[in-house]
Amino acid sequence: MDQLYMLRAFVAATQHKSFSKAATSLGVTTGSISKAIAKLEAAIQTRVLHRTTRSVTLTEEAQAYYLSCCRLLAELDEANRRITEEREVDSGRLRLVVHPMLVSDTFSQLVSSYNAIAPNVNLTVSVQENVVNLYDGHYDIAIVPPHLVEQSAVIRRTLSKSSKVLAASPAYLARYGVPVHAADLSAHFLLVDPRLRQQDSNFIDLFEDGLPVRVLPMASMDGNEALLRAAALTGTGIAALPEAMIHRDLANGQLVHVLQGCSTSESDVEVCLFYSHRELLPARFRTFVDFCTTFFRGERLERQAVAKPAANAERLERRA
């Protein structure tokens, strides 16, 4: 029999001075209370209660023991209450790790909007490109490309999918001209993912209208997406970036989409949210997961709304 149950039975019987009333308070049978008390007395080799047909009273030997049991159960009940409350209230610490491609105005809006609905959550954000382990105790939630989370047991939710596009600032294009074909990039400064660069060479692999092409830019710089976006915004060159990352930059005119038939990959760039447990998530985790899903769904609809008129305009231009 569970020792904790034996202690609860003992305290309840002492407080109610009755096995039957103790049984009612705990939702068990009178026989269960009697058996628990007997097992407790056998375990500690001390009689704790005097039983008569009319009453149950505490023995003199068990008085100090009874007080200790009351304190122990009260502390345990308080600990249970606190941990349950923490699960049900948006408070506590949330350790989030994100990929550099998330670092943009969109992510700033995500963080500020989440802080507005969960002001008592201590959100800690780490930015890294390495593989994430959600079971080593460093992070609670990850927002990264799927290949950066190796554990098969984690929960995965896709937040966005988008192609990598080429974009540059209006100032850069005004100075160096707008490329019309991939071959024109030989006269431009390219800002690219280092994986696009051919080993031991400066050639860059792209796709133009679905066909692979290899270009040798005038100059190039490689780095993570956050660095490349910052460089593009300052007019350094033409950057290859996930469309989802820069769609606000494109919408407000800070960047211009060039070579719309070109991409750096045949497949879309996927960003997923990962967490390690589905059941019994603390409230702050559940709220953040639901918030992110809703936020990125809105971002996707916004991108689609912006892209549709642009696509129609491009078709009309081609017809003309």
C-alpha atoms as a PDB file:
ATOM      1  CA  MET A   1       0.000   0.000   0.000  1.00  0.00           C
ATOM      2  CA  ASP A   2       1.219   3.530  -0.821  1.00  0.00           C
ATOM      3  CA  GLN A   3       2.834   5.089   2.258  1.00  0.00           C
ATOM      4  CA  LEU A   4       1.479   8.502   1.283  1.00  0.00           C
ATOM      5  CA  TYR A   5      -2.049   7.076   1.321  1.00  0.00           C
ATOM      6  CA  MET A   6      -1.425   5.543   4.763  1.00  0.00           C
ATOM      7  CA  LEU A   7      -0.376   8.958   6.084  1.00  0.00           C
ATOM      8  CA  ARG A   8      -3.442  10.629   4.579  1.00  0.00           C
ATOM      9  CA  ALA A   9      -5.691   7.981   6.101  1.00  0.00           C
ATOM     10  CA  PHE A  10      -4.033   8.482   9.508  1.00  0.00           C
ATOM     11  CA  VAL A  11      -4.381  12.280   9.411  1.00  0.00           C
ATOM     12  CA  ALA A  12      -7.987  12.127   8.191  1.00  0.00           C
ATOM     13  CA  ALA A  13      -9.002   9.589  10.842  1.00  0.00           C
ATOM     14  CA  THR A  14      -7.344  11.697  13.544  1.00  0.00           C
ATOM     15  CA  GLN A  15      -8.996  14.907  12.377  1.00  0.00           C
ATOM     16  CA  HIS A  16     -12.485  13.368  11.973  1.00  0.00           C
ATOM     17  CA  LYS A  17     -12.115  11.013  14.981  1.00  0.00           C
ATOM     18  CA  SER A  18     -13.899   8.420  12.882  1.00  0.00           C
ATOM     19  CA  PHE A  19     -12.867   5.875  10.266  1.00  0.00           C
ATOM     20  CA  SER A  20     -16.158   6.226   8.392  1.00  0.00           C
ATOM     21  CA  LYS A  21     -15.963  10.034   8.206  1.00  0.00           C
ATOM     22  CA  ALA A  22     -12.291   9.788   7.146  1.00  0.00           C
ATOM     23  CA  ALA A  23     -13.319   7.340   4.426  1.00  0.00           C
ATOM     24  CA  THR A  24     -15.998   9.751   3.174  1.00  0.00           C
ATOM     25  CA  SER A  25     -13.547  12.664   3.077  1.00  0.00           C
ATOM     26  CA  LEU A  26     -11.054  10.667   1.017  1.00  0.00           C
ATOM     27  CA  GLY A  27     -13.638   8.942  -1.179  1.00  0.00           C
ATOM     28  CA  VAL A  28     -12.706   5.417  -0.105  1.00  0.00           C
ATOM     29  CA  THR A  29     -14.224   2.638   2.019  1.00  0.00           C
ATOM     30  CA  THR A  30     -14.061   2.395   5.797  1.00  0.00           C
ATOM     31  CA  GLY A  31     -12.250  -0.914   5.436  1.00  0.00           C
ATOM     32  CA  SER A  32      -9.576   0.760   3.338  1.00  0.00           C
ATOM     33  CA  ILE A  33      -8.955   3.331   6.088  1.00  0.00           C
ATOM     34  CA  SER A  34      -8.763   0.605   8.750  1.00  0.00           C
ATOM     35  CA  LYS A  35      -6.301  -1.408   6.665  1.00  0.00           C
ATOM     36  CA  ALA A  36      -4.138   1.669   5.987  1.00  0.00           C
ATOM     37  CA  ILE A  37      -3.896   2.527   9.682  1.00  0.00           C
ATOM     38  CA  ALA A  38      -2.981  -1.066  10.554  1.00  0.00           C
ATOM     39  CA  LYS A  39      -0.242  -1.133   7.906  1.00  0.00           C
ATOM     40  CA  LEU A  40       1.111   2.224   9.095  1.00  0.00           C
ATOM     41  CA  GLU A  41       1.299   1.013  12.692  1.00  0.00           C
ATOM     42  CA  ALA A  42       3.056  -2.155  11.570  1.00  0.00           C
ATOM     43  CA  ALA A  43       5.538  -0.144   9.521  1.00  0.00           C
ATOM     44  CA  ILE A  44       6.521   2.259  12.316  1.00  0.00           C
ATOM     45  CA  GLN A  45       6.031  -0.296  15.120  1.00  0.00           C
ATOM     46  CA  THR A  46       3.877   2.155  17.086  1.00  0.00           C
ATOM     47  CA  ARG A  47       0.168   2.329  17.860  1.00  0.00           C
ATOM     48  CA  VAL A  48      -1.082   5.676  16.545  1.00  0.00           C
ATOM     49  CA  LEU A  49      -4.839   5.521  17.284  1.00  0.00           C
ATOM     50  CA  HIS A  50      -7.061   4.238  20.055  1.00  0.00           C
ATOM     51  CA  ARG A  51     -10.173   2.622  18.513  1.00  0.00           C
ATOM     52  CA  THR A  52     -13.460   2.122  20.284  1.00  0.00           C
ATOM     53  CA  THR A  53     -16.935   1.524  18.930  1.00  0.00           C
ATOM     54  CA  ARG A  54     -17.725   5.184  19.563  1.00  0.00           C
ATOM     55  CA  SER A  55     -14.544   7.122  18.738  1.00  0.00           C
ATOM     56  CA  VAL A  56     -11.018   7.206  17.413  1.00  0.00           C
ATOM     57  CA  THR A  57      -8.403   9.158  19.353  1.00  0.00           C
ATOM     58  CA  LEU A  58      -4.714   9.868  18.912  1.00  0.00           C
ATOM     59  CA  THR A  59      -2.294   8.018  21.170  1.00  0.00           C
ATOM     60  CA  GLU A  60       0.142   9.980  23.265  1.00  0.00           C
ATOM     61  CA  GLU A  61       3.105   8.351  21.467  1.00  0.00           C
ATOM     62  CA  ALA A  62       1.819   9.508  18.045  1.00  0.00           C
ATOM     63  CA  GLN A  63       1.104  13.172  18.836  1.00  0.00           C
ATOM     64  CA  ALA A  64       4.415  14.533  17.526  1.00  0.00           C
ATOM     65  CA  TYR A  65       4.248  12.109  14.599  1.00  0.00           C
ATOM     66  CA  TYR A  66       0.779  13.387  13.728  1.00  0.00           C
ATOM     67  CA  LEU A  67       1.953  17.005  13.633  1.00  0.00           C
ATOM     68  CA  SER A  68       4.887  16.055  11.416  1.00  0.00           C
ATOM     69  CA  CYS A  69       2.527  14.209   9.044  1.00  0.00           C
ATOM     70  CA  CYS A  70       0.244  17.243   8.885  1.00  0.00           C
ATOM     71  CA  ARG A  71       3.160  19.532   7.964  1.00  0.00           C
ATOM     72  CA  LEU A  72       4.474  17.061   5.382  1.00  0.00           C
ATOM     73  CA  LEU A  73       1.080  16.635   3.679  1.00  0.00           C
ATOM     74  CA  ALA A  74       0.427  20.391   3.748  1.00  0.00           C
ATOM     75  CA  GLU A  75       3.762  21.083   2.041  1.00  0.00           C
ATOM     76  CA  LEU A  76       3.104  18.388  -0.537  1.00  0.00           C
ATOM     77  CA  ASP A  77      -0.393  19.717  -1.268  1.00  0.00           C
ATOM     78  CA  GLU A  78       1.019  23.233  -1.635  1.00  0.00           C
ATOM     79  CA  ALA A  79       3.713  21.999  -4.025  1.00  0.00           C
ATOM     80  CA  ASN A  80       1.045  20.204  -6.065  1.00  0.00           C
ATOM     81  CA  ARG A  81      -1.103  23.337  -6.097  1.00  0.00           C
ATOM     82  CA  ARG A  82       1.774  25.503  -7.266  1.00  0.00           C
ATOM     83  CA  ILE A  83       2.849  23.233 -10.087  1.00  0.00           C
ATOM     84  CA  THR A  84      -0.759  22.869 -11.246  1.00  0.00           C
ATOM     85  CA  GLU A  85      -1.197  26.628 -11.097  1.00  0.00           C
ATOM     86  CA  GLU A  86       1.960  27.146 -13.149  1.00  0.00           C
ATOM     87  CA  ARG A  87       0.544  24.826 -15.816  1.00  0.00           C
ATOM     88  CA  GLU A  88      -2.679  26.803 -15.935  1.00  0.00           C
ATOM     89  CA  VAL A  89      -1.233  30.325 -15.840  1.00  0.00           C
ATOM     90  CA  ASP A  90       0.914  31.999 -18.474  1.00  0.00           C
ATOM     91  CA  SER A  91       3.934  32.639 -16.305  1.00  0.00           C
ATOM     92  CA  GLY A  92       7.430  31.296 -15.840  1.00  0.00           C
ATOM     93  CA  ARG A  93      10.377  30.921 -18.191  1.00  0.00           C
ATOM     94  CA  LEU A  94      10.209  29.942 -21.856  1.00  0.00           C
ATOM     95  CA  ARG A  95      13.533  29.234 -23.597  1.00  0.00           C
ATOM     96  CA  LEU A  96      13.199  29.602 -27.354  1.00  0.00           C
ATOM     97  CA  VAL A  97      15.868  28.877 -29.961  1.00  0.00           C
ATOM     98  CA  VAL A  98      15.441  30.216 -33.506  1.00  0.00           C
ATOM     99  CA  HIS A  99      17.369  30.054 -36.765  1.00  0.00           C
ATOM    100  CA  PRO A 100      19.000  33.263 -38.074  1.00  0.00           C
ATOM    101  CA  MET A 101      16.587  33.346 -41.010  1.00  0.00           C
ATOM    102  CA  LEU A 102      13.851  34.198 -38.471  1.00  0.00           C
ATOM    103  CA  VAL A 103      15.631  37.372 -37.392  1.00  0.00           C
ATOM    104  CA  SER A 104      13.646  40.049 -39.204  1.00  0.00           C
ATOM    105  CA  ASP A 105      10.921  42.620 -38.691  1.00  0.00           C
ATOM    106  CA  THR A 106       8.410  39.767 -38.798  1.00  0.00           C
ATOM    107  CA  PHE A 107      10.080  38.035 -35.862  1.00  0.00           C
ATOM    108  CA  SER A 108      10.229  41.303 -33.921  1.00  0.00           C
ATOM    109  CA  GLN A 109       6.485  41.637 -34.385  1.00  0.00           C
ATOM    110  CA  LEU A 110       5.982  38.013 -33.283  1.00  0.00           C
ATOM    111  CA  VAL A 111       7.903  38.618 -30.049  1.00  0.00           C
ATOM    112  CA  SER A 112       6.203  41.920 -29.229  1.00  0.00           C
ATOM    113  CA  SER A 113       2.737  40.481 -29.971  1.00  0.00           C
ATOM    114  CA  TYR A 114       3.426  37.449 -27.772  1.00  0.00           C
ATOM    115  CA  ASN A 115       4.696  39.651 -24.935  1.00  0.00           C
ATOM    116  CA  ALA A 116       1.438  41.595 -25.155  1.00  0.00           C
ATOM    117  CA  ILE A 117      -0.707  38.488 -24.572  1.00  0.00           C
ATOM    118  CA  ALA A 118       1.661  36.803 -22.079  1.00  0.00           C
ATOM    119  CA  PRO A 119       3.391  39.630 -20.169  1.00  0.00           C
ATOM    120  CA  ASN A 120       4.301  37.395 -17.221  1.00  0.00           C
ATOM    121  CA  VAL A 121       6.307  34.915 -19.301  1.00  0.00           C
ATOM    122  CA  ASN A 122      10.074  35.361 -19.188  1.00  0.00           C
ATOM    123  CA  LEU A 123      10.882  34.710 -22.858  1.00  0.00           C
ATOM    124  CA  THR A 124      14.557  34.003 -23.568  1.00  0.00           C
ATOM    125  CA  VAL A 125      15.502  33.819 -27.261  1.00  0.00           C
ATOM    126  CA  SER A 126      18.716  32.269 -28.581  1.00  0.00           C
ATOM    127  CA  VAL A 127      19.756  32.501 -32.242  1.00  0.00           C
ATOM    128  CA  GLN A 128      21.866  29.677 -33.652  1.00  0.00           C
ATOM    129  CA  GLU A 129      22.440  27.622 -36.775  1.00  0.00           C
ATOM    130  CA  ASN A 130      23.507  24.387 -35.074  1.00  0.00           C
ATOM    131  CA  VAL A 131      21.552  21.182 -34.552  1.00  0.00           C
ATOM    132  CA  VAL A 132      19.107  21.568 -31.644  1.00  0.00           C
ATOM    133  CA  ASN A 133      18.588  18.980 -28.901  1.00  0.00           C
ATOM    134  CA  LEU A 134      15.317  19.577 -27.050  1.00  0.00           C
ATOM    135  CA  TYR A 135      16.086  16.926 -24.445  1.00  0.00           C
ATOM    136  CA  ASP A 136      19.324  18.348 -23.039  1.00  0.00           C
ATOM    137  CA  GLY A 137      17.571  20.938 -20.883  1.00  0.00           C
ATOM    138  CA  HIS A 138      18.796  24.045 -22.721  1.00  0.00           C
ATOM    139  CA  TYR A 139      15.695  24.892 -24.760  1.00  0.00           C
ATOM    140  CA  ASP A 140      11.937  24.385 -24.488  1.00  0.00           C
ATOM    141  CA  ILE A 141      10.855  25.213 -28.052  1.00  0.00           C
ATOM    142  CA  ALA A 142      12.722  25.526 -31.358  1.00  0.00           C
ATOM    143  CA  ILE A 143      11.772  27.349 -34.566  1.00  0.00           C
ATOM    144  CA  VAL A 144      14.240  26.067 -37.137  1.00  0.00           C
ATOM    145  CA  PRO A 145      14.457  24.185 -40.458  1.00  0.00           C
ATOM    146  CA  PRO A 146      13.539  20.502 -39.981  1.00  0.00           C
ATOM    147  CA  HIS A 147      17.028  19.145 -40.657  1.00  0.00           C
ATOM    148  CA  LEU A 148      18.329  20.872 -37.513  1.00  0.00           C
ATOM    149  CA  VAL A 149      16.270  18.771 -35.077  1.00  0.00           C
ATOM    150  CA  GLU A 150      17.320  15.133 -34.994  1.00  0.00           C
ATOM    151  CA  GLN A 151      15.072  13.637 -32.287  1.00  0.00           C
ATOM    152  CA  SER A 152      12.285  11.532 -33.732  1.00  0.00           C
ATOM    153  CA  ALA A 153      10.080  11.834 -30.623  1.00  0.00           C
ATOM    154  CA  VAL A 154       9.617  15.613 -30.745  1.00  0.00           C
ATOM    155  CA  ILE A 155       6.408  17.265 -31.916  1.00  0.00           C
ATOM    156  CA  ARG A 156       6.737  19.165 -35.197  1.00  0.00           C
ATOM    157  CA  ARG A 157       4.496  21.848 -36.696  1.00  0.00           C
ATOM    158  CA  THR A 158       5.288  23.469 -40.037  1.00  0.00           C
ATOM    159  CA  LEU A 159       5.002  27.249 -39.748  1.00  0.00           C
ATOM    160  CA  SER A 160       6.018  28.365 -43.231  1.00  0.00           C
ATOM    161  CA  LYS A 161       7.300  27.241 -46.601  1.00  0.00           C
ATOM    162  CA  SER A 162       8.758  29.606 -49.142  1.00  0.00           C
ATOM    163  CA  SER A 163      11.237  29.668 -51.977  1.00  0.00           C
ATOM    164  CA  LYS A 164      14.570  31.465 -51.831  1.00  0.00           C
ATOM    165  CA  VAL A 165      14.398  34.561 -53.981  1.00  0.00           C
ATOM    166  CA  LEU A 166      16.882  37.156 -55.190  1.00  0.00           C
ATOM    167  CA  ALA A 167      16.411  40.683 -53.886  1.00  0.00           C
ATOM    168  CA  ALA A 168      18.325  43.940 -53.657  1.00  0.00           C
ATOM    169  CA  SER A 169      17.765  47.451 -52.412  1.00  0.00           C
ATOM    170  CA  PRO A 170      16.492  50.112 -54.852  1.00  0.00           C
ATOM    171  CA  ALA A 171      19.709  52.070 -54.271  1.00  0.00           C
ATOM    172  CA  TYR A 172      21.872  49.118 -55.341  1.00  0.00           C
ATOM    173  CA  LEU A 173      19.794  48.482 -58.468  1.00  0.00           C
ATOM    174  CA  ALA A 174      19.842  52.175 -59.388  1.00  0.00           C
ATOM    175  CA  ARG A 175      23.631  52.125 -59.211  1.00  0.00           C
ATOM    176  CA  TYR A 176      24.402  48.775 -60.858  1.00  0.00           C
ATOM    177  CA  GLY A 177      21.328  48.071 -62.966  1.00  0.00           C
ATOM    178  CA  VAL A 178      18.619  45.398 -62.838  1.00  0.00           C
ATOM    179  CA  PRO A 179      19.670  41.948 -64.087  1.00  0.00           C
ATOM    180  CA  VAL A 180      17.336  40.412 -66.654  1.00  0.00           C
ATOM    181  CA  HIS A 181      18.840  36.918 -66.892  1.00  0.00           C
ATOM    182  CA  ALA A 182      20.907  34.800 -64.519  1.00  0.00           C
ATOM    183  CA  ALA A 183      23.950  35.383 -66.724  1.00  0.00           C
ATOM    184  CA  ASP A 184      23.705  39.109 -65.910  1.00  0.00           C
ATOM    185  CA  LEU A 185      24.712  38.315 -62.323  1.00  0.00           C
ATOM    186  CA  SER A 186      28.309  38.128 -63.534  1.00  0.00           C
ATOM    187  CA  ALA A 187      28.318  41.920 -63.227  1.00  0.00           C
ATOM    188  CA  HIS A 188      26.881  42.005 -59.713  1.00  0.00           C
ATOM    189  CA  PHE A 189      27.805  41.453 -56.065  1.00  0.00           C
ATOM    190  CA  LEU A 190      25.979  38.367 -54.749  1.00  0.00           C
ATOM    191  CA  LEU A 191      25.100  37.722 -51.115  1.00  0.00           C
ATOM    192  CA  VAL A 192      24.567  33.977 -50.745  1.00  0.00           C
ATOM    193  CA  ASP A 193      24.445  30.961 -48.466  1.00  0.00           C
ATOM    194  CA  PRO A 194      27.949  29.398 -48.431  1.00  0.00           C
ATOM    195  CA  ARG A 195      26.419  26.056 -49.476  1.00  0.00           C
ATOM    196  CA  LEU A 196      25.572  27.543 -52.883  1.00  0.00           C
ATOM    197  CA  ARG A 197      29.200  28.182 -53.667  1.00  0.00           C
ATOM    198  CA  GLN A 198      31.018  25.444 -55.548  1.00  0.00           C
ATOM    199  CA  GLN A 199      33.880  23.950 -53.572  1.00  0.00           C
ATOM    200  CA  ASP A 200      37.204  25.676 -54.234  1.00  0.00           C
ATOM    201  CA  SER A 201      35.603  28.121 -56.659  1.00  0.00           C
ATOM    202  CA  ASN A 202      33.456  31.254 -56.773  1.00  0.00           C
ATOM    203  CA  PHE A 203      30.781  29.746 -59.029  1.00  0.00           C
ATOM    204  CA  ILE A 204      27.207  29.943 -57.652  1.00  0.00           C
ATOM    205  CA  ASP A 205      24.550  27.337 -58.480  1.00  0.00           C
ATOM    206  CA  LEU A 206      21.060  28.672 -59.254  1.00  0.00           C
ATOM    207  CA  PHE A 207      17.890  27.622 -61.015  1.00  0.00           C
ATOM    208  CA  GLU A 208      16.439  29.723 -63.831  1.00  0.00           C
ATOM    209  CA  ASP A 209      12.940  28.792 -64.985  1.00  0.00           C
ATOM    210  CA  GLY A 210      13.443  25.426 -63.314  1.00  0.00           C
ATOM    211  CA  LEU A 211      16.748  24.675 -65.066  1.00  0.00           C
ATOM    212  CA  PRO A 212      20.111  24.570 -63.243  1.00  0.00           C
ATOM    213  CA  VAL A 213      22.551  27.347 -64.133  1.00  0.00           C
ATOM    214  CA  ARG A 214      25.995  28.204 -62.829  1.00  0.00           C
ATOM    215  CA  VAL A 215      27.103  31.829 -62.612  1.00  0.00           C
ATOM    216  CA  LEU A 216      30.359  33.534 -61.692  1.00  0.00           C
ATOM    217  CA  PRO A 217      29.474  36.841 -60.001  1.00  0.00           C
ATOM    218  CA  MET A 218      31.711  39.874 -60.094  1.00  0.00           C
ATOM    219  CA  ALA A 219      32.059  39.512 -56.315  1.00  0.00           C
ATOM    220  CA  SER A 220      30.245  37.656 -53.575  1.00  0.00           C
ATOM    221  CA  MET A 221      29.840  37.353 -49.825  1.00  0.00           C
ATOM    222  CA  ASP A 222      28.445  34.409 -47.901  1.00  0.00           C
ATOM    223  CA  GLY A 223      26.930  34.187 -44.435  1.00  0.00           C
ATOM    224  CA  ASN A 224      23.735  33.364 -42.586  1.00  0.00           C
ATOM    225  CA  GLU A 225      20.388  34.800 -43.600  1.00  0.00           C
ATOM    226  CA  ALA A 226      20.357  37.571 -40.983  1.00  0.00           C
ATOM    227  CA  LEU A 227      23.736  38.867 -42.166  1.00  0.00           C
ATOM    228  CA  LEU A 228      22.766  38.674 -45.844  1.00  0.00           C
ATOM    229  CA  ARG A 229      19.475  40.516 -45.270  1.00  0.00           C
ATOM    230  CA  ALA A 230      21.270  43.293 -43.381  1.00  0.00           C
ATOM    231  CA  ALA A 231      23.809  43.605 -46.191  1.00  0.00           C
ATOM    232  CA  ALA A 232      21.098  43.719 -48.845  1.00  0.00           C
ATOM    233  CA  LEU A 233      19.188  46.433 -46.974  1.00  0.00           C
ATOM    234  CA  THR A 234      22.324  48.604 -46.880  1.00  0.00           C
ATOM    235  CA  GLY A 235      22.824  48.234 -50.637  1.00  0.00           C
ATOM    236  CA  THR A 236      25.786  45.862 -50.635  1.00  0.00           C
ATOM    237  CA  GLY A 237      24.469  43.506 -53.303  1.00  0.00           C
ATOM    238  CA  ILE A 238      21.810  41.055 -54.483  1.00  0.00           C
ATOM    239  CA  ALA A 239      20.880  38.571 -51.763  1.00  0.00           C
ATOM    240  CA  ALA A 240      19.412  35.079 -51.994  1.00  0.00           C
ATOM    241  CA  LEU A 241      16.929  34.883 -49.103  1.00  0.00           C
ATOM    242  CA  PRO A 242      13.750  33.014 -48.106  1.00  0.00           C
ATOM    243  CA  GLU A 243      10.782  34.973 -49.396  1.00  0.00           C
ATOM    244  CA  ALA A 244       8.985  34.524 -46.069  1.00  0.00           C
ATOM    245  CA  MET A 245      11.867  36.272 -44.304  1.00  0.00           C
ATOM    246  CA  ILE A 246      11.840  39.408 -46.472  1.00  0.00           C
ATOM    247  CA  HIS A 247       8.238  39.709 -47.625  1.00  0.00           C
ATOM    248  CA  ARG A 248       7.736  42.816 -45.463  1.00  0.00           C
ATOM    249  CA  ASP A 249      10.927  44.343 -46.906  1.00  0.00           C
ATOM    250  CA  LEU A 250       9.551  43.657 -50.379  1.00  0.00           C
ATOM    251  CA  ALA A 251       6.107  45.017 -49.501  1.00  0.00           C
ATOM    252  CA  ASN A 252       7.433  48.309 -48.131  1.00  0.00           C
ATOM    253  CA  GLY A 253       9.941  48.776 -50.953  1.00  0.00           C
ATOM    254  CA  GLN A 254      13.133  48.410 -48.922  1.00  0.00           C
ATOM    255  CA  LEU A 255      14.039  45.458 -51.140  1.00  0.00           C
ATOM    256  CA  VAL A 256      13.080  44.654 -54.720  1.00  0.00           C
ATOM    257  CA  HIS A 257      12.555  41.140 -56.060  1.00  0.00           C
ATOM    258  CA  VAL A 258      14.829  40.610 -59.086  1.00  0.00           C
ATOM    259  CA  LEU A 259      15.062  37.729 -61.549  1.00  0.00           C
ATOM    260  CA  GLN A 260      11.680  36.326 -60.524  1.00  0.00           C
ATOM    261  CA  GLY A 261      12.299  33.234 -62.611  1.00  0.00           C
ATOM    262  CA  CYS A 262      15.412  32.452 -60.568  1.00  0.00           C
ATOM    263  CA  SER A 263      15.777  30.579 -57.321  1.00  0.00           C
ATOM    264  CA  THR A 264      18.631  29.046 -55.374  1.00  0.00           C
ATOM    265  CA  SER A 265      16.824  25.767 -54.753  1.00  0.00           C
ATOM    266  CA  GLU A 266      14.358  23.414 -56.397  1.00  0.00           C
ATOM    267  CA  SER A 267      12.489  23.002 -53.101  1.00  0.00           C
ATOM    268  CA  ASP A 268      10.980  25.476 -50.635  1.00  0.00           C
ATOM    269  CA  VAL A 269      12.666  26.546 -47.428  1.00  0.00           C
ATOM    270  CA  GLU A 270      10.653  25.114 -44.532  1.00  0.00           C
ATOM    271  CA  VAL A 271      10.530  26.503 -41.011  1.00  0.00           C
ATOM    272  CA  CYS A 272       9.038  24.337 -38.265  1.00  0.00           C
ATOM    273  CA  LEU A 273       8.185  24.685 -34.599  1.00  0.00           C
ATOM    274  CA  PHE A 274       9.401  21.829 -32.397  1.00  0.00           C
ATOM    275  CA  TYR A 275       8.677  20.918 -28.782  1.00  0.00           C
ATOM    276  CA  SER A 276       9.384  17.770 -26.856  1.00  0.00           C
ATOM    277  CA  HIS A 277       6.068  16.906 -25.182  1.00  0.00           C
ATOM    278  CA  ARG A 278       2.443  16.862 -26.314  1.00  0.00           C
ATOM    279  CA  GLU A 279       0.730  16.022 -23.005  1.00  0.00           C
ATOM    280  CA  LEU A 280       0.730  18.132 -19.821  1.00  0.00           C
ATOM    281  CA  LEU A 281       2.349  21.157 -21.436  1.00  0.00           C
ATOM    282  CA  PRO A 282       2.634  24.209 -19.154  1.00  0.00           C
ATOM    283  CA  ALA A 283       0.207  26.962 -20.121  1.00  0.00           C
ATOM    284  CA  ARG A 284       3.023  29.219 -21.354  1.00  0.00           C
ATOM    285  CA  PHE A 285       4.130  26.485 -23.807  1.00  0.00           C
ATOM    286  CA  ARG A 286       0.611  25.823 -25.083  1.00  0.00           C
ATOM    287  CA  THR A 287      -0.074  29.527 -25.500  1.00  0.00           C
ATOM    288  CA  PHE A 288       3.158  30.090 -27.414  1.00  0.00           C
ATOM    289  CA  VAL A 289       2.617  27.106 -29.727  1.00  0.00           C
ATOM    290  CA  ASP A 290      -0.949  28.202 -30.528  1.00  0.00           C
ATOM    291  CA  PHE A 291       0.120  31.823 -30.917  1.00  0.00           C
ATOM    292  CA  CYS A 292       2.941  30.949 -33.345  1.00  0.00           C
ATOM    293  CA  THR A 293       0.668  28.755 -35.438  1.00  0.00           C
ATOM    294  CA  THR A 294      -1.899  31.548 -35.733  1.00  0.00           C
ATOM    295  CA  PHE A 295       0.731  34.238 -36.335  1.00  0.00           C
ATOM    296  CA  PHE A 296       2.459  32.404 -39.179  1.00  0.00           C
ATOM    297  CA  ARG A 297      -0.874  31.464 -40.730  1.00  0.00           C
ATOM    298  CA  GLY A 298      -1.681  35.182 -40.888  1.00  0.00           C
ATOM    299  CA  GLU A 299       1.746  35.893 -42.369  1.00  0.00           C
ATOM    300  CA  ARG A 300       1.166  33.260 -45.042  1.00  0.00           C
ATOM    301  CA  LEU A 301      -2.217  34.732 -45.984  1.00  0.00           C
ATOM    302  CA  GLU A 302      -0.681  38.205 -46.102  1.00  0.00           C
ATOM    303  CA  ARG A 303       2.094  37.020 -48.435  1.00  0.00           C
ATOM    304  CA  GLN A 304      -0.434  35.344 -50.695  1.00  0.00           C
ATOM    305  CA  ALA A 305      -2.513  38.510 -50.845  1.00  0.00           C
ATOM    306  CA  VAL A 306       0.549  40.566 -51.811  1.00  0.00           C
ATOM    307  CA  ALA A 307       1.874  37.994 -54.272  1.00  0.00           C
ATOM    308  CA  LYS A 308      -1.364  37.593 -56.242  1.00  0.00           C
ATOM    309  CA  PRO A 309      -1.510  41.157 -57.691  1.00  0.00           C
ATOM    310  CA  ALA A 310       2.244  41.004 -58.416  1.00  0.00           C
ATOM    311  CA  ALA A 311       1.830  37.728 -60.277  1.00  0.00           C
ATOM    312  CA  ASN A 312      -1.077  39.133 -62.306  1.00  0.00           C
ATOM    313  CA  ALA A 313       0.945  42.222 -63.196  1.00  0.00           C
ATOM    314  CA  GLU A 314       3.857  40.046 -64.315  1.00  0.00           C
ATOM    315  CA  ARG A 315       1.574  37.978 -66.571  1.00  0.00           C
ATOM    316  CA  LEU A 316       0.132  41.136 -68.136  1.00  0.00           C
ATOM    317  CA  GLU A 317       3.638  42.493 -68.712  1.00  0.00           C
ATOM    318  CA  ARG A 318       4.664  39.267 -70.476  1.00  0.00           C
ATOM    319  CA  ARG A 319       1.594  39.411 -72.724  1.00  0.00           C
ATOM    320  CA  ALA A 320       2.394  42.977 -73.629  1.00  0.00           C
END
